[in-house]
Amino acid sequence: MIADFPYVFPRPVLAMDDPLMRTMRRVGAVAAGVVAVALVAGCSQGGDDGGDTKAPEPTVTSTSPEPDASPSTEDEYPGTPQGDFNRMVDEKGWEFGYETASAYVSDICVSLPDQAKYGDPGEWLVVNQKPSADEKKILLAGMPKLCPKWASTVKKALAGDYTRTYSDGTYVVKAHPKEKDLDSDVQEIAPGSYRTSGDLADCYWERTTKSGQIIDNSFATSAQSITVSIAASDGQFTTRDCGAWRPVK
């Protein structure tokens, strides 16, 4: 017979009753909830079939071919007198120093009236501009169409029919003078009478012998017209600020 044991054993504490364990269980539950939410979100992004997320398909951009930058025939040769003239000159292969043949004719047409104020416009065209053989053809063909007012003047000038004028400089007196050459240091003038007119101011002229002695001279502070006669025996004729001298016919 076993006697009653006077000692009472303490009640064992179960793990589930441990406060620390209860706290860990709560943290674990929260973490599990977060993982569940993440999994649901991932499935939603992966599509209804639950597959992996697909990469976006590349965007294809269609490009149109670049337009032809070269001008069309209609743009190059518009249906105008200028366009028709340019076409004709290009077809003949005439060479010139302008963008278009009609531009060359237009420039000459605009310049001729201004040159008439200072001398003979035909002389300016031949002596100063010195048109080439092809440029002469362009002027003869283009002036009647594009600048009829000056067509006759240009035609005569290109044939050598224009008035020789003499502006500032010293001229050697010759019975048969050479054609005026602006590139030459020596210019020549024929004996005869010459006249200059216009609003003349501070005009000086002189005739000298071959040795440079003054035969006759004059200085006009203001004049409207001056005439000088050059003898065949004169050596030189010098003029300054007298405008353009023209032969008296």
Protein backbone atom coordinates (compact mmCIF):
# COMPACT_ATOMS: atom_id res chain seq x y z
CA MET A 1 0.00 0.00 0.00
CA ILE A 2 1.36 3.29 -1.06
CA ALA A 3 0.97 6.08 1.28
CA ASP A 4 -0.42 9.39 0.06
CA PHE A 5 2.38 11.48 -1.37
CA PRO A 6 2.25 14.76 0.37
CA TYR A 7 3.93 16.73 -2.56
CA VAL A 8 1.70 18.19 -5.28
CA PHE A 9 3.50 18.56 -8.67
CA PRO A 10 3.01 21.93 -10.41
CA ARG A 11 0.79 21.97 -13.48
CA PRO A 12 3.00 21.89 -16.60
CA VAL A 13 2.81 24.92 -18.89
CA LEU A 14 1.88 23.88 -22.42
CA ALA A 15 3.62 25.48 -25.36
CA MET A 16 0.37 26.88 -26.71
CA ASP A 17 -0.21 28.68 -23.51
CA ASP A 18 3.23 30.37 -23.67
CA PRO A 19 2.78 34.14 -24.28
CA LEU A 20 5.82 34.24 -26.57
CA MET A 21 4.41 31.51 -28.69
CA ARG A 22 1.07 33.24 -28.96
CA THR A 23 2.84 36.35 -30.27
CA MET A 24 4.81 34.35 -32.87
CA ARG A 25 1.61 32.72 -34.06
CA ARG A 26 0.03 36.14 -34.67
CA VAL A 27 3.08 37.39 -36.63
CA GLY A 28 3.09 34.23 -38.72
CA ALA A 29 -0.58 34.64 -39.54
CA VAL A 30 -0.02 38.19 -40.75
CA ALA A 31 2.95 37.13 -42.90
CA ALA A 32 0.92 34.35 -44.44
CA GLY A 33 -1.79 36.83 -45.33
CA VAL A 34 0.68 39.11 -47.07
CA VAL A 35 2.08 36.23 -49.11
CA ALA A 36 -1.44 35.21 -50.12
CA VAL A 37 -2.26 38.71 -51.34
CA ALA A 38 0.97 38.81 -53.37
CA LEU A 39 0.19 35.48 -54.99
CA VAL A 40 -3.31 36.59 -55.95
CA ALA A 41 -1.94 39.83 -57.47
CA GLY A 42 0.67 37.89 -59.43
CA CYS A 43 -1.95 35.58 -60.84
CA SER A 44 -4.08 38.53 -61.91
CA GLN A 45 -1.16 40.07 -63.84
CA GLY A 46 -0.30 36.75 -65.45
CA GLY A 47 -3.65 36.56 -67.23
CA ASP A 48 -6.72 34.45 -66.83
CA ASP A 49 -4.90 31.26 -67.78
CA GLY A 50 -2.41 31.68 -64.95
CA GLY A 51 0.62 31.68 -67.34
CA ASP A 52 3.72 33.79 -67.08
CA THR A 53 3.57 37.51 -67.83
CA LYS A 54 4.16 38.11 -71.52
CA ALA A 55 6.58 40.82 -72.74
CA PRO A 56 4.92 43.61 -74.71
CA GLU A 57 5.03 43.09 -78.44
CA PRO A 58 7.30 45.51 -80.35
CA THR A 59 5.58 48.39 -82.09
CA VAL A 60 6.05 48.39 -85.84
CA THR A 61 6.20 51.85 -87.39
CA SER A 62 5.64 52.06 -91.10
CA THR A 63 7.72 54.64 -92.97
CA SER A 64 6.67 56.20 -96.23
CA PRO A 65 9.32 56.58 -98.95
CA GLU A 66 10.96 60.00 -99.11
CA PRO A 67 9.48 62.19 -101.83
CA ASP A 68 11.68 62.82 -104.83
CA ALA A 69 13.53 66.09 -104.18
CA SER A 70 14.37 66.66 -107.83
CA PRO A 71 12.15 69.29 -109.45
CA SER A 72 9.64 68.16 -111.96
CA THR A 73 9.72 69.29 -115.53
CA GLU A 74 6.68 71.49 -114.88
CA ASP A 75 8.47 73.26 -112.01
CA GLU A 76 11.66 73.75 -114.01
CA TYR A 77 9.91 74.95 -117.15
CA PRO A 78 6.60 76.57 -116.17
CA GLY A 79 4.15 77.40 -118.92
CA THR A 80 5.28 81.04 -119.21
CA PRO A 81 7.32 82.93 -121.83
CA GLN A 82 10.30 82.68 -119.48
CA GLY A 83 9.81 78.94 -118.94
CA ASP A 84 9.44 78.26 -122.67
CA PHE A 85 12.55 80.33 -123.39
CA ASN A 86 14.60 78.55 -120.72
CA ARG A 87 13.57 75.18 -122.14
CA MET A 88 14.61 76.22 -125.65
CA VAL A 89 18.02 77.51 -124.49
CA ASP A 90 18.72 74.38 -122.44
CA GLU A 91 17.77 72.15 -125.34
CA LYS A 92 20.23 74.01 -127.58
CA GLY A 93 22.94 73.71 -124.94
CA TRP A 94 23.86 77.38 -124.88
CA GLU A 95 26.03 78.26 -121.91
CA PHE A 96 25.64 81.34 -119.73
CA GLY A 97 26.61 82.61 -116.30
CA TYR A 98 23.17 82.90 -114.71
CA GLU A 99 20.79 80.48 -113.01
CA THR A 100 18.46 80.68 -116.01
CA ALA A 101 18.68 82.19 -119.47
CA SER A 102 15.60 84.34 -118.84
CA ALA A 103 17.26 85.77 -115.71
CA TYR A 104 20.24 86.84 -117.83
CA VAL A 105 18.01 88.56 -120.39
CA SER A 106 16.01 90.23 -117.60
CA ASP A 107 19.16 91.59 -115.97
CA ILE A 108 20.36 93.12 -119.23
CA CYS A 109 16.89 94.53 -119.87
CA VAL A 110 16.80 96.27 -116.48
CA SER A 111 20.37 97.60 -116.75
CA LEU A 112 20.16 99.19 -120.22
CA PRO A 113 17.98 102.19 -119.20
CA ASP A 114 20.38 103.05 -116.38
CA GLN A 115 23.39 102.89 -118.69
CA ALA A 116 21.71 105.30 -121.08
CA LYS A 117 22.15 108.00 -118.41
CA TYR A 118 25.94 107.70 -118.52
CA GLY A 119 26.76 106.70 -122.06
CA ASP A 120 25.61 104.54 -124.91
CA PRO A 121 23.79 101.43 -123.60
CA GLY A 122 24.85 99.39 -126.62
CA GLU A 123 28.49 100.24 -125.96
CA TRP A 124 28.07 99.26 -122.30
CA LEU A 125 26.70 95.89 -123.37
CA VAL A 126 29.52 95.12 -125.80
CA VAL A 127 32.50 96.74 -124.06
CA ASN A 128 31.67 96.34 -120.37
CA GLN A 129 29.69 93.10 -120.35
CA LYS A 130 31.56 91.33 -123.15
CA PRO A 131 28.92 88.66 -123.82
CA SER A 132 30.22 85.31 -125.01
CA ALA A 133 29.16 83.75 -128.30
CA ASP A 134 26.40 81.75 -126.57
CA GLU A 135 25.27 84.75 -124.54
CA LYS A 136 24.93 86.76 -127.73
CA LYS A 137 22.67 84.03 -129.13
CA ILE A 138 20.61 84.11 -125.93
CA LEU A 139 20.19 87.90 -126.15
CA LEU A 140 19.27 87.85 -129.83
CA ALA A 141 16.68 85.15 -129.18
CA GLY A 142 15.40 86.41 -125.84
CA MET A 143 15.20 90.20 -126.14
CA PRO A 144 12.33 90.23 -128.70
CA LYS A 145 10.29 87.93 -126.43
CA LEU A 146 11.18 89.17 -122.98
CA CYS A 147 12.39 92.76 -123.53
CA PRO A 148 11.10 94.01 -126.89
CA LYS A 149 11.73 97.70 -126.07
CA TRP A 150 15.50 97.18 -126.18
CA ALA A 151 15.63 94.39 -128.75
CA SER A 152 16.69 96.69 -131.61
CA THR A 153 19.41 98.38 -129.55
CA VAL A 154 20.87 95.05 -128.51
CA LYS A 155 20.77 93.64 -132.01
CA LYS A 156 22.63 96.67 -133.44
CA ALA A 157 25.15 96.72 -130.60
CA LEU A 158 26.02 93.04 -131.03
CA ALA A 159 26.56 93.78 -134.73
CA GLY A 160 29.01 96.59 -133.81
CA ASP A 161 26.59 99.44 -134.41
CA TYR A 162 26.79 101.59 -131.29
CA THR A 163 28.15 105.01 -130.31
CA ARG A 164 31.64 105.14 -128.83
CA THR A 165 31.75 107.40 -125.79
CA TYR A 166 34.68 108.67 -123.74
CA SER A 167 34.54 109.23 -119.99
CA ASP A 168 37.24 110.05 -117.42
CA GLY A 169 40.78 109.31 -118.57
CA THR A 170 43.53 110.20 -121.01
CA TYR A 171 43.20 109.15 -124.66
CA VAL A 172 45.89 108.95 -127.30
CA VAL A 173 44.79 110.63 -130.53
CA LYS A 174 44.89 108.18 -133.45
CA ALA A 175 43.49 108.39 -136.96
CA HIS A 176 42.23 104.82 -136.64
CA PRO A 177 41.82 104.13 -132.95
CA LYS A 178 41.48 100.64 -131.54
CA GLU A 179 38.24 99.47 -130.02
CA LYS A 180 37.86 100.50 -126.40
CA ASP A 181 39.40 97.90 -124.10
CA LEU A 182 38.75 98.44 -120.41
CA ASP A 183 41.54 96.01 -119.54
CA SER A 184 44.13 98.14 -121.31
CA ASP A 185 45.96 101.07 -119.69
CA VAL A 186 46.06 102.93 -123.02
CA GLN A 187 42.86 104.15 -124.66
CA GLU A 188 42.61 105.84 -128.06
CA ILE A 189 40.34 108.46 -129.61
CA ALA A 190 39.92 109.68 -133.20
CA PRO A 191 40.24 113.33 -134.23
CA GLY A 192 36.93 115.20 -134.46
CA SER A 193 34.37 117.11 -132.43
CA TYR A 194 32.91 115.70 -129.23
CA ARG A 195 30.15 116.91 -126.98
CA THR A 196 29.05 116.17 -123.44
CA SER A 197 25.79 117.35 -121.93
CA GLY A 198 23.79 117.16 -118.74
CA ASP A 199 24.20 118.65 -115.29
CA LEU A 200 27.96 119.14 -115.48
CA ALA A 201 29.90 120.32 -112.44
CA ASP A 202 33.66 120.81 -112.00
CA CYS A 203 34.35 119.46 -115.48
CA TYR A 204 37.95 119.69 -116.63
CA TRP A 205 39.36 118.81 -120.06
CA GLU A 206 42.60 119.46 -121.93
CA ARG A 207 44.24 118.86 -125.30
CA THR A 208 47.97 118.31 -125.32
CA THR A 209 50.75 117.80 -127.83
CA LYS A 210 52.58 114.52 -128.23
CA SER A 211 55.16 115.87 -125.81
CA GLY A 212 52.49 116.75 -123.25
CA GLN A 213 52.31 120.52 -123.72
CA ILE A 214 48.84 121.98 -123.20
CA ILE A 215 47.22 123.15 -126.42
CA ASP A 216 43.84 124.05 -124.93
CA ASN A 217 41.98 123.35 -121.69
CA SER A 218 39.01 124.48 -119.64
CA PHE A 219 37.45 124.05 -116.22
CA ALA A 220 33.69 124.48 -115.90
CA THR A 221 32.23 124.74 -112.42
CA SER A 222 28.74 124.37 -113.90
CA ALA A 223 27.54 123.72 -117.45
CA GLN A 224 24.79 122.10 -119.48
CA SER A 225 26.74 121.32 -122.65
CA ILE A 226 30.41 121.49 -123.71
CA THR A 227 31.92 120.83 -127.13
CA VAL A 228 35.60 120.17 -127.86
CA SER A 229 37.33 119.72 -131.21
CA ILE A 230 40.35 117.42 -131.27
CA ALA A 231 42.86 117.96 -134.12
CA ALA A 232 44.66 115.16 -135.91
CA SER A 233 47.95 116.74 -134.78
CA ASP A 234 47.00 116.53 -131.09
CA GLY A 235 48.83 114.05 -128.94
CA GLN A 236 46.38 113.36 -126.12
CA PHE A 237 42.96 114.32 -124.84
CA THR A 238 42.27 114.26 -121.08
CA THR A 239 38.90 114.59 -119.37
CA ARG A 240 37.79 114.51 -115.76
CA ASP A 241 34.28 114.73 -114.25
CA CYS A 242 32.73 115.66 -117.59
CA GLY A 243 30.41 112.73 -118.09
CA ALA A 244 30.50 110.90 -121.42
CA TRP A 245 31.81 112.60 -124.57
CA ARG A 246 30.03 111.59 -127.78
CA PRO A 247 31.10 112.27 -131.37
CA VAL A 248 29.24 115.17 -132.93
CA LYS A 249 27.65 113.92 -136.14
